Protein backbone atom coordinates (compact mmCIF):
# COMPACT_ATOMS: atom_id res chain seq x y z
CA MET A 1 61.10 2.33 30.12
CA ALA A 2 58.81 4.69 31.94
CA GLU A 3 57.45 5.96 28.59
CA ILE A 4 56.61 2.42 27.48
CA THR A 5 54.89 1.74 30.79
CA ASN A 6 52.86 4.93 30.49
CA ALA A 7 51.81 4.06 26.93
CA VAL A 8 50.66 0.61 28.01
CA GLN A 9 48.78 2.14 30.93
CA GLU A 10 47.06 4.63 28.62
CA ARG A 11 45.90 1.83 26.32
CA GLN A 12 44.59 -0.07 29.31
CA ASP A 13 42.74 3.00 30.55
CA GLN A 14 41.02 3.53 27.17
CA PRO A 15 37.55 2.00 26.79
CA LYS A 16 37.66 -1.37 25.09
CA GLN A 17 36.43 -1.46 21.51
CA TYR A 18 34.75 -4.47 19.87
CA PRO A 19 34.74 -5.02 16.10
CA ILE A 20 31.48 -5.86 14.29
CA LEU A 21 31.83 -7.16 10.74
CA TRP A 22 29.53 -6.19 7.89
CA TRP A 23 29.62 -9.12 5.48
CA THR A 24 28.00 -7.01 2.76
CA THR A 25 27.85 -3.41 1.65
CA TRP A 26 24.66 -1.38 2.08
CA PHE A 27 23.11 -1.07 -1.38
CA GLY A 28 26.64 -1.12 -2.78
CA GLN A 29 27.81 1.65 -0.44
CA THR A 30 30.35 1.44 2.39
CA LEU A 31 28.52 3.83 4.71
CA GLU A 32 29.03 1.62 7.77
CA GLU A 33 32.80 1.28 7.36
CA GLY A 34 34.55 2.75 10.38
CA ARG A 35 31.38 3.80 12.21
CA ILE A 36 32.09 4.11 15.93
CA ILE A 37 29.31 3.30 18.38
CA ASP A 38 30.14 5.21 21.53
CA ASN A 39 26.94 7.11 22.36
CA CYS A 40 25.21 4.35 24.32
CA GLY A 41 26.28 5.18 27.87
CA LEU A 42 28.37 1.99 27.96
CA PRO A 43 31.92 1.71 29.36
CA TYR A 44 33.12 0.40 26.00
CA SER A 45 32.51 1.10 22.29
CA CYS A 46 32.18 -0.80 19.04
CA ARG A 47 33.41 -0.26 15.52
CA PHE A 48 31.79 -1.42 12.29
CA THR A 49 34.06 -2.74 9.57
CA LEU A 50 33.73 -4.30 6.12
CA ASP A 51 37.18 -5.87 6.32
CA ARG A 52 36.65 -9.65 6.25
CA ASN A 53 40.16 -10.11 7.57
CA GLN A 54 38.68 -9.18 10.96
CA TYR A 55 36.31 -12.12 10.90
CA ASP A 56 38.11 -13.98 13.69
CA GLU A 57 37.95 -10.98 16.05
CA SER A 58 34.29 -10.21 15.28
CA LYS A 59 31.56 -12.00 17.18
CA ILE A 60 28.69 -10.50 15.19
CA ILE A 61 28.46 -10.67 11.40
CA ILE A 62 25.88 -8.44 9.70
CA ALA A 63 24.34 -9.03 6.25
CA HIS A 64 22.23 -6.41 4.52
CA ALA A 65 19.24 -8.27 3.09
CA PRO A 66 19.09 -6.80 -0.47
CA SER A 67 22.89 -7.09 -0.80
CA PHE A 68 23.37 -10.60 0.60
CA GLN A 69 24.51 -13.22 -1.94
CA PHE A 70 24.15 -16.26 0.36
CA ASP A 71 27.91 -16.66 0.31
CA PHE A 72 28.54 -17.08 4.05
CA PRO A 73 30.82 -20.12 4.39
CA HIS A 74 31.09 -20.40 8.15
CA LEU A 75 27.83 -22.08 9.15
CA ASP A 76 29.60 -24.22 11.76
CA ASP A 77 30.47 -21.05 13.68
CA LEU A 78 26.77 -20.22 13.84
CA LYS A 79 25.64 -23.64 14.98
CA SER A 80 28.26 -23.71 17.71
CA GLY A 81 27.38 -20.23 18.97
CA ARG A 82 30.84 -18.80 18.26
CA LYS A 83 29.32 -16.23 15.91
CA ALA A 84 25.96 -14.56 15.38
CA LEU A 85 24.72 -13.84 11.85
CA LEU A 86 22.43 -10.84 11.87
CA LEU A 87 20.05 -9.98 9.02
CA ASN A 88 19.57 -6.25 8.47
CA THR A 89 16.53 -5.07 6.50
CA GLN A 90 14.58 -1.81 6.37
CA ALA A 91 11.80 -3.18 4.19
CA PRO A 92 10.00 -6.49 3.64
CA GLN A 93 12.06 -8.71 1.38
CA GLY A 94 10.77 -11.52 -0.80
CA PHE A 95 13.28 -14.04 0.54
CA GLN A 96 12.39 -13.09 4.09
CA ILE A 97 9.13 -14.98 3.64
CA SER A 98 10.98 -18.24 2.91
CA SER A 99 12.33 -19.98 6.00
CA ILE A 100 14.67 -21.95 3.72
CA TRP A 101 16.71 -18.79 3.30
CA THR A 102 16.28 -17.23 6.72
CA ASP A 103 17.08 -20.25 8.86
CA ILE A 104 20.80 -19.56 8.65
CA PHE A 105 20.43 -16.19 10.40
CA THR A 106 20.43 -16.07 14.17
CA HIS A 107 19.19 -12.49 14.75
CA MET A 108 17.14 -9.82 13.00
CA TRP A 109 17.73 -6.07 12.79
CA SER A 110 14.64 -4.54 11.20
CA TYR A 111 11.53 -2.36 11.51
CA SER A 112 9.45 -5.12 13.14
CA PHE A 113 8.58 -4.62 16.79
CA GLY A 114 7.20 -8.14 16.91
CA THR A 115 10.03 -10.20 15.45
CA ALA A 116 13.25 -8.15 15.40
CA ASP A 117 15.94 -8.54 18.05
CA PHE A 118 17.06 -4.99 17.30
CA VAL A 119 14.30 -2.61 16.16
CA GLU A 120 15.05 0.30 13.86
CA SER A 121 11.89 2.04 12.77
CA TYR A 122 11.93 4.94 10.34
CA PHE A 123 11.59 7.53 13.10
CA ALA A 124 13.93 8.91 15.74
CA ALA A 125 12.85 8.49 19.36
CA GLY A 126 12.91 11.18 22.06
CA ARG A 127 12.08 14.85 21.79
CA GLY A 128 13.81 17.65 19.98
CA GLN A 129 14.98 18.33 16.45
CA GLY A 130 14.69 15.48 14.02
CA THR A 131 12.50 13.28 16.22
CA PHE A 132 9.14 11.82 15.27
CA ILE A 133 7.37 13.72 18.04
CA GLU A 134 8.91 17.01 16.92
CA SER A 135 7.54 16.39 13.42
CA ILE A 136 4.09 15.62 14.78
CA LEU A 137 3.93 18.80 16.87
CA ALA A 138 5.30 21.09 14.15
CA LYS A 139 2.96 23.90 13.16
CA PRO A 140 1.20 23.59 9.78
CA MET A 141 3.08 25.13 6.88
CA TYR A 142 -0.06 26.94 5.71
CA THR A 143 -3.31 28.10 7.28
CA ILE A 144 -6.65 26.67 6.21
CA GLN A 145 -7.39 29.95 4.41
CA GLU A 146 -4.18 29.63 2.40
CA LYS A 147 -4.96 26.00 1.56
CA ASN A 148 -8.39 27.05 0.32
CA THR A 149 -6.69 29.56 -1.97
CA PHE A 150 -4.36 26.84 -3.29
CA ARG A 151 -7.46 24.72 -3.99
CA LYS A 152 -8.32 26.98 -6.90
CA ASP A 153 -5.46 25.39 -8.83
CA LEU A 154 -4.76 22.18 -6.91
CA ALA A 155 -6.65 19.01 -6.03
CA PRO A 156 -7.57 18.32 -2.40
CA VAL A 157 -5.20 15.32 -2.39
CA ALA A 158 -1.55 14.89 -3.38
CA TRP A 159 0.63 11.85 -3.93
CA ILE A 160 4.38 11.72 -4.54
CA VAL A 161 5.38 8.29 -5.82
CA SER A 162 8.57 6.74 -7.21
CA ASN A 163 7.94 2.98 -6.98
CA CYS A 164 5.79 2.19 -10.01
CA VAL A 165 5.38 -1.53 -9.34
CA ALA A 166 4.63 -1.68 -5.62
CA ARG A 167 4.19 -5.26 -4.54
CA ASN A 168 0.78 -4.69 -2.95
CA GLY A 169 -0.75 -3.11 -6.08
CA ARG A 170 -1.47 0.26 -4.45
CA HIS A 171 -1.54 1.91 -7.90
CA PHE A 172 -4.67 -0.10 -8.69
CA TYR A 173 -6.41 1.51 -5.71
CA VAL A 174 -5.34 4.99 -6.80
CA GLU A 175 -6.66 4.30 -10.30
CA GLN A 176 -10.06 3.57 -8.78
CA LEU A 177 -9.89 6.63 -6.53
CA LEU A 178 -9.20 8.85 -9.53
CA LYS A 179 -12.62 7.90 -10.91
CA HIS A 180 -14.27 9.75 -8.02
CA ILE A 181 -11.90 12.58 -7.04
CA LYS A 182 -8.99 14.54 -8.45
CA VAL A 183 -5.57 13.60 -7.08
CA ASP A 184 -2.43 15.54 -8.00
CA ILE A 185 0.33 12.99 -8.60
CA TYR A 186 4.02 13.90 -8.67
CA GLY A 187 7.11 11.77 -9.22
CA ARG A 188 7.85 8.92 -11.61
CA CYS A 189 4.55 7.07 -11.87
CA MET A 190 1.02 7.99 -12.97
CA THR A 191 2.22 11.59 -13.00
CA ASN A 192 -0.32 14.29 -13.86
CA MET A 193 1.46 17.29 -12.30
CA ALA A 194 4.82 18.86 -13.12
CA TRP A 195 7.16 19.34 -10.19
CA PRO A 196 6.80 23.00 -9.15
CA LYS A 197 9.62 25.52 -9.06
CA HIS A 198 10.25 28.74 -7.18
CA PRO A 199 10.44 32.02 -9.12
CA ASP A 200 14.25 31.79 -9.04
CA GLY A 201 14.17 28.37 -10.72
CA ARG A 202 14.81 26.25 -7.65
CA GLU A 203 12.67 23.13 -7.42
CA PHE A 204 10.32 22.75 -4.48
CA ALA A 205 11.40 20.36 -1.76
CA ALA A 206 9.03 17.43 -1.22
CA HIS A 207 7.64 18.92 1.98
CA GLU A 208 6.95 22.20 0.16
CA VAL A 209 4.95 20.38 -2.49
CA MET A 210 3.03 18.45 0.14
CA GLY A 211 2.36 21.37 2.50
CA ARG A 212 -0.01 23.14 0.06
CA TYR A 213 -2.55 20.30 0.15
CA LYS A 214 -5.20 19.29 2.64
CA PHE A 215 -4.63 15.54 2.27
CA TYR A 216 -1.76 13.28 1.28
CA LEU A 217 -1.83 9.62 0.20
CA SER A 218 0.48 7.88 2.67
CA ILE A 219 0.19 4.44 1.07
CA GLU A 220 2.99 2.00 1.87
CA ASN A 221 4.31 -0.30 -0.85
CA ASN A 222 3.97 -3.32 1.46
CA ASN A 223 1.30 -4.24 3.99
CA CYS A 224 3.23 -5.80 6.88
CA ASP A 225 3.11 -5.42 10.65
CA ASP A 226 5.01 -2.31 11.82
CA TYR A 227 6.16 -1.36 8.32
CA VAL A 228 5.50 2.39 8.44
CA THR A 229 7.86 4.79 6.68
CA GLU A 230 8.43 8.51 6.24
CA LYS A 231 5.14 8.58 4.29
CA ILE A 232 3.35 9.35 7.56
CA GLN A 233 5.98 11.65 9.07
CA ARG A 234 6.16 14.05 6.14
CA PRO A 235 2.47 15.07 6.07
CA TYR A 236 2.45 15.28 9.88
CA SER A 237 5.42 17.65 9.75
CA VAL A 238 3.70 20.16 7.43
CA GLY A 239 0.16 20.00 8.80
CA VAL A 240 -1.44 17.80 6.15
CA VAL A 241 -3.88 15.00 6.96
CA PRO A 242 -2.38 11.65 5.90
CA ILE A 243 -4.57 9.05 4.21
CA LEU A 244 -3.01 5.83 5.47
CA ASP A 245 -2.58 2.31 4.24
CA GLY A 246 0.01 -0.08 5.65
CA PRO A 247 -0.14 -2.39 8.65
CA LYS A 248 -3.40 -3.41 10.25
CA ASP A 249 -2.38 -1.73 13.51
CA TYR A 250 -1.17 1.88 13.24
CA SER A 251 -1.62 2.75 16.93
CA ARG A 252 2.04 3.28 17.82
CA PHE A 253 2.47 5.71 14.89
CA LEU A 254 -0.64 7.92 15.15
CA ALA A 255 -0.50 11.42 16.61
CA THR A 256 -4.06 11.00 17.89
CA ASN A 257 -6.94 8.72 17.00
CA HIS A 258 -8.42 11.55 14.93
CA SER A 259 -5.39 12.73 12.97
CA SER A 260 -5.70 10.70 9.77
CA LEU A 261 -7.97 8.81 7.39
CA ARG A 262 -7.46 5.13 6.60
CA LEU A 263 -8.27 3.27 3.42
CA ASP A 264 -9.44 0.30 5.50
CA ASP A 265 -12.16 2.43 7.10
CA PHE A 266 -13.97 2.78 3.76
CA GLU A 267 -15.45 -0.14 1.89
CA THR A 268 -14.85 1.48 -1.49
CA SER A 269 -12.66 4.20 -2.96
CA LYS A 270 -15.86 6.07 -3.82
CA GLN A 271 -16.75 6.28 -0.12
CA LEU A 272 -13.27 7.61 0.70
CA ALA A 273 -13.55 10.22 -2.04
CA HIS A 274 -16.94 11.30 -0.70
CA ARG A 275 -15.46 11.80 2.80
CA ILE A 276 -12.52 13.78 1.47
CA LEU A 277 -14.85 16.09 -0.45
CA GLU A 278 -17.02 16.54 2.65
CA LEU A 279 -14.02 17.66 4.71
CA ASP A 280 -12.75 19.81 1.86
CA GLN A 281 -15.98 21.83 2.04
CA ASP A 282 -16.12 21.99 5.85
CA ASP A 283 -13.17 23.89 7.35
CA ALA A 284 -14.23 23.30 10.95
CA ALA A 285 -14.52 19.54 10.48
CA TYR A 286 -11.21 19.42 8.61
CA MET A 287 -9.33 21.37 11.29
CA LYS A 288 -10.39 18.88 13.96
CA TYR A 289 -7.91 16.49 12.34
CA LEU A 290 -5.15 19.02 13.13
CA ASP A 291 -6.32 20.40 16.46
CA TYR A 292 -3.50 18.64 18.33
CA LYS A 293 -1.05 21.01 16.66
CA GLU A 294 -2.74 24.07 18.13
CA SER A 295 -3.37 22.69 21.62
CA THR A 296 -1.50 23.96 24.67
CA ALA A 297 -2.19 20.78 26.64
CA PRO A 298 0.76 18.76 27.92
CA ILE A 299 2.07 16.17 25.48
CA GLU A 300 1.22 13.41 27.91
CA SER A 301 -2.49 14.18 27.68
CA LEU A 302 -2.48 15.34 24.06
CA LEU A 303 -0.87 12.61 22.00
CA ASN A 304 -1.66 8.95 21.51
CA PRO A 305 -0.46 6.96 24.59
CA ARG A 306 0.93 4.14 22.41
CA LEU A 307 2.94 6.68 20.42
CA LEU A 308 4.40 8.15 23.60
CA GLU A 309 5.17 4.71 25.00
CA THR A 310 7.15 3.90 21.87
CA TYR A 311 8.92 7.17 21.04
CA ASP A 312 8.76 9.57 23.96
CA LEU A 313 11.72 8.08 25.78
CA PRO A 314 13.94 9.81 28.35
CA GLN A 315 17.43 10.83 27.31
CA GLY A 316 19.85 7.94 27.53
CA LYS A 317 17.27 5.21 26.94
CA TRP A 318 17.68 3.32 23.69
CA GLY A 319 14.74 3.76 21.38
CA PRO A 320 13.47 1.92 18.28
CA ASP A 321 15.72 3.87 15.91
CA GLY A 322 19.13 3.58 14.29
CA ASP A 323 21.08 4.64 17.37
CA GLY A 324 19.11 2.37 19.69
CA ALA A 325 19.51 -0.67 17.41
CA ARG A 326 23.26 -0.14 17.08
CA CYS A 327 23.64 0.25 20.82
CA GLY A 328 21.87 -3.08 21.37
CA ILE A 329 24.11 -4.77 18.80
CA CYS A 330 27.20 -3.29 20.43
CA LYS A 331 26.15 -4.63 23.83
CA MET A 332 25.61 -8.09 22.35
CA ALA A 333 29.09 -7.96 20.75
CA HIS A 334 30.57 -7.16 24.15
CA ASP A 335 28.62 -9.88 25.94
CA MET A 336 29.60 -12.52 23.36
CA ALA A 337 33.26 -11.50 23.50
CA GLU A 338 33.28 -11.59 27.28
CA GLY A 339 31.37 -14.86 27.47
CA THR A 340 28.33 -13.47 29.27
CA TYR A 341 25.84 -13.73 26.43
CA GLN A 342 23.31 -16.53 26.81
CA PHE A 343 23.38 -17.79 23.25
CA ASN A 344 20.63 -20.07 22.00
CA SER A 345 22.32 -21.99 19.19
CA SER A 346 18.97 -23.20 17.88
CA LYS A 347 17.58 -19.67 17.57
CA VAL A 348 16.72 -18.59 14.02
CA ILE A 349 14.63 -15.77 12.65
CA GLY A 350 11.22 -16.93 11.52
CA ALA A 351 9.53 -16.44 8.19
CA ASP A 352 7.54 -13.21 8.03
CA THR A 353 3.90 -14.26 7.86
CA THR A 354 2.33 -10.85 8.51
CA CYS A 355 2.54 -9.41 5.00
CA ASN A 356 -0.37 -9.12 2.59
CA PHE A 357 1.44 -8.89 -0.72
CA THR A 358 -1.67 -8.75 -2.93
CA LYS A 359 -3.94 -6.46 -0.95
CA TRP A 360 -5.09 -4.32 -3.87
CA ALA A 361 -4.63 -6.86 -6.67
CA THR A 362 -8.40 -7.16 -7.27
CA ILE A 363 -9.40 -3.56 -6.59
CA SER A 364 -10.17 -3.12 -10.31
CA HIS A 365 -13.26 -5.26 -9.67
CA GLU A 366 -14.45 -2.98 -6.88
CA THR A 367 -18.20 -3.01 -6.28
CA GLU A 368 -20.45 -0.98 -4.05
CA PRO A 369 -21.00 -2.51 -0.61
CA ILE A 370 -24.43 -3.67 0.54
CA ASN A 371 -26.20 -1.21 2.80
CA GLN A 372 -28.01 -3.33 5.36
CA GLU A 373 -30.51 -0.56 6.14
CA THR A 374 -31.56 0.16 2.57
CA GLU A 375 -31.08 -3.31 1.10
CA PRO A 376 -34.67 -4.55 1.91
CA ILE A 377 -36.12 -1.44 0.26
CA ARG A 378 -33.85 -1.89 -2.74
CA ARG A 379 -34.86 -5.54 -3.13
CA GLU A 380 -38.58 -4.68 -2.82
CA ALA A 381 -38.22 -2.00 -5.49
CA GLU A 382 -36.29 -4.40 -7.68
CA LEU A 383 -39.06 -7.02 -7.29
CA TYR A 384 -41.71 -4.42 -8.18
CA TRP A 385 -39.92 -3.45 -11.38
CA TRP A 386 -39.47 -7.11 -12.30
CA ILE A 387 -43.24 -7.62 -11.95
CA VAL A 388 -43.94 -4.52 -14.07
CA ALA A 389 -41.47 -5.77 -16.69
CA LEU A 390 -43.13 -9.21 -16.78
CA VAL A 391 -46.60 -7.69 -17.14
CA VAL A 392 -45.44 -5.47 -20.00
CA LEU A 393 -43.75 -8.45 -21.62
CA ALA A 394 -46.95 -10.55 -21.29
CA VAL A 395 -49.08 -7.80 -22.86
CA PHE A 396 -46.58 -7.33 -25.66
CA THR A 397 -46.48 -11.09 -26.28
CA GLY A 398 -50.31 -11.25 -26.38
CA VAL A 399 -50.47 -8.46 -28.93
CA ILE A 400 -47.89 -10.22 -31.11
CA VAL A 401 -49.87 -13.50 -30.93
CA ILE A 402 -53.09 -11.76 -31.97
CA ILE A 403 -51.37 -10.06 -34.89
CA VAL A 404 -49.75 -13.32 -36.00
CA CYS A 405 -53.05 -15.21 -35.79
CA TYR A 406 -54.87 -12.54 -37.72
CA LYS A 407 -52.24 -12.47 -40.41
CA SER A 408 -52.21 -16.30 -40.47
CA ARG A 409 -55.99 -16.46 -41.20
CA ARG A 410 -55.63 -13.95 -44.02
CA ALA A 411 -52.72 -15.95 -45.43
CA LYS A 412 -54.81 -19.15 -45.42
CA ARG A 413 -57.60 -17.45 -47.31
CA SER A 414 -55.12 -16.11 -49.82
CA LEU A 415 -53.61 -19.55 -50.35
CA GLN A 416 -57.04 -21.09 -50.86
CA VAL A 417 -57.86 -18.52 -53.50
CA LEU A 418 -54.51 -19.19 -55.20
CA LYS A 419 -55.12 -22.93 -55.12
CA ASN A 420 -58.53 -22.53 -56.70
CA ASN A 421 -57.07 -20.37 -59.40
CA LEU A 422 -54.45 -23.01 -60.22
CA THR A 423 -56.95 -25.91 -60.87
CA PRO A 424 -57.98 -26.79 -64.47
CA SER A 425 -61.52 -25.69 -63.80
CA GLY A 426 -60.23 -22.45 -62.48
CA TRP A 427 -58.11 -21.88 -65.53
CA ARG A 428 -60.98 -22.81 -67.88
CA GLU A 429 -63.18 -20.28 -66.11
CA LYS A 430 -60.48 -17.58 -66.51
CA LEU A 431 -59.46 -18.55 -70.06
CA GLY A 432 -63.05 -18.84 -71.33
CA ASN A 433 -63.17 -19.37 -75.08
CA ASP A 434 -59.49 -18.42 -75.72
CA SER A 435 -58.45 -21.66 -77.47
CA THR A 436 -54.80 -20.63 -77.93
CA ARG A 437 -54.15 -19.97 -74.17
CA MET A 438 -56.06 -23.17 -73.34
CA GLU A 439 -53.72 -25.18 -75.57
CA ASP A 440 -50.69 -23.61 -73.82
CA TYR A 441 -52.09 -24.62 -70.44
CA GLN A 442 -52.70 -28.24 -71.58
CA LEU A 443 -49.14 -28.43 -72.97
CA LEU A 444 -47.69 -27.15 -69.65
CA THR A 445 -49.61 -29.69 -67.54
CA SER A 446 -48.62 -32.60 -69.82
CA GLN A 447 -44.92 -31.71 -69.48
CA ASN A 448 -45.10 -31.86 -65.69
CA GLU A 449 -46.73 -35.30 -65.48
CA ASP A 450 -44.56 -38.18 -64.17
C-alpha cells in the first residue's frame, strides 16, 4: 500500500505535460514526433505528437502549410474555442495569400514579426555558438590579400542557387547582371562553375566555396516582409559582403548599416555592377564593409541597434527562433488546458498582403535611368543633332530635285526629237529617194489605221 502511495505521489510531483498534436507531417517527415519542450523555464512541459488518437487531449493542433491537405474535420471545435488550429510555415505559401483558405486557422507560427503569433526566424537568438550574432562577429575566412589572389581565377561575385523557378523571377535579374559583370554560379541553375573539391577528393562545403569571394548574391526567392533566410547569415559568417534582395526593411537583420549592398539601392543592374567593380579595385573601401569584424568596441555600440533588440536577448528570454516559438506554443497549450487562456473565437490569420511575387518579372526590359543633372544637356545635344540631320536632309533633297529636273528637261528634248523622227515628213526626210523603204513605211501606217 505504501509503495502505491509513493508511486502516486511521485507522479503528482512530476511536472505536468501537455500534448500538442501535429495534424500533418513536416515535408513527409516525422521529425516532431515525441519532441519534448522542457527548456522554457516553465513549471511544466509539452510533448509533440502525430498520433491523432490524442486529439481529445490536445488543445492545440498544428498543420504544416506545404503538407496540409485541408482535411481538418473539426471546425466546430475551432469556432467554439475548444481547440486552436495553428498554421506552421517557414516560407511564403501561395495559399497563404487567399483568405478563403486561411480563415479556418486561428494562429500563425511563421517567420513574420508582423503577423505571426509565434515567430520563428531563420536565426538563433542570444550569443554563443550557432547564434546569428556569433555568425556576424566571426572573423573572415580569408584576408583581403588572399581574396585578391583568388580573383585571378574567380569572379568578384558568387551565387549558389538550387531553386530554378523562384517566384519573384530573381534569375531574370541575374541574367541582366551577367551582361555587365562576371558572376560565378554554383548549384543546379544557370551554373557556370563546377563545384570545387579538395586535393583529397572531398567536396567543398558551401561556406568554403563562398568564403573565397568578395561578394555573394543573397537574393531571396520571395519578397515578403521579414522573409530573410540563411542567405544573409552564410556570407556574414565567412567575411563576405552580401548583396541583398528580400523584404523592403532589412534593419533587424543587418550587422551594421554599411555591411552589405542592396539591389534596391541601384536603379539598374549595370549600376550595381559598376559599384562592385569599384570596390573590387579599392581594398580600403571594400574593407569598410567588414570593419565591424575587426573592431574591439563593445557589441552594444558596434552592431545595428535593431539587430540587437531582436536577437541579443538575455539567457532565459524566448527569442524569435525555433525554441522561442515552441515555448510560446507550449505556454498557450497549458493556458488553454487550465482555462486561463483568453481565446478570441473570431480570431483568424489574415491574408499575407506584403509579398511582391513578380518583382523582377520585367527586368528583361531594363533601361538606363534618367540623370536629372545631365538630362538637360543630353536633350540639348539631341536637339542639335536633329537640326543638323534636318539640314543635311534638306540639302540632299535639294540636290536630288535639281538632278531630277535636269534629267527631266533632257528627257523632254529627247522625246521631242523622237516624235519628230516618227512623223511622215520626218521619215520622208530620212528615207529620201529610197522608194522601197518608203513603200514599207506606207504599208505599216495603213495597217495601223482604225
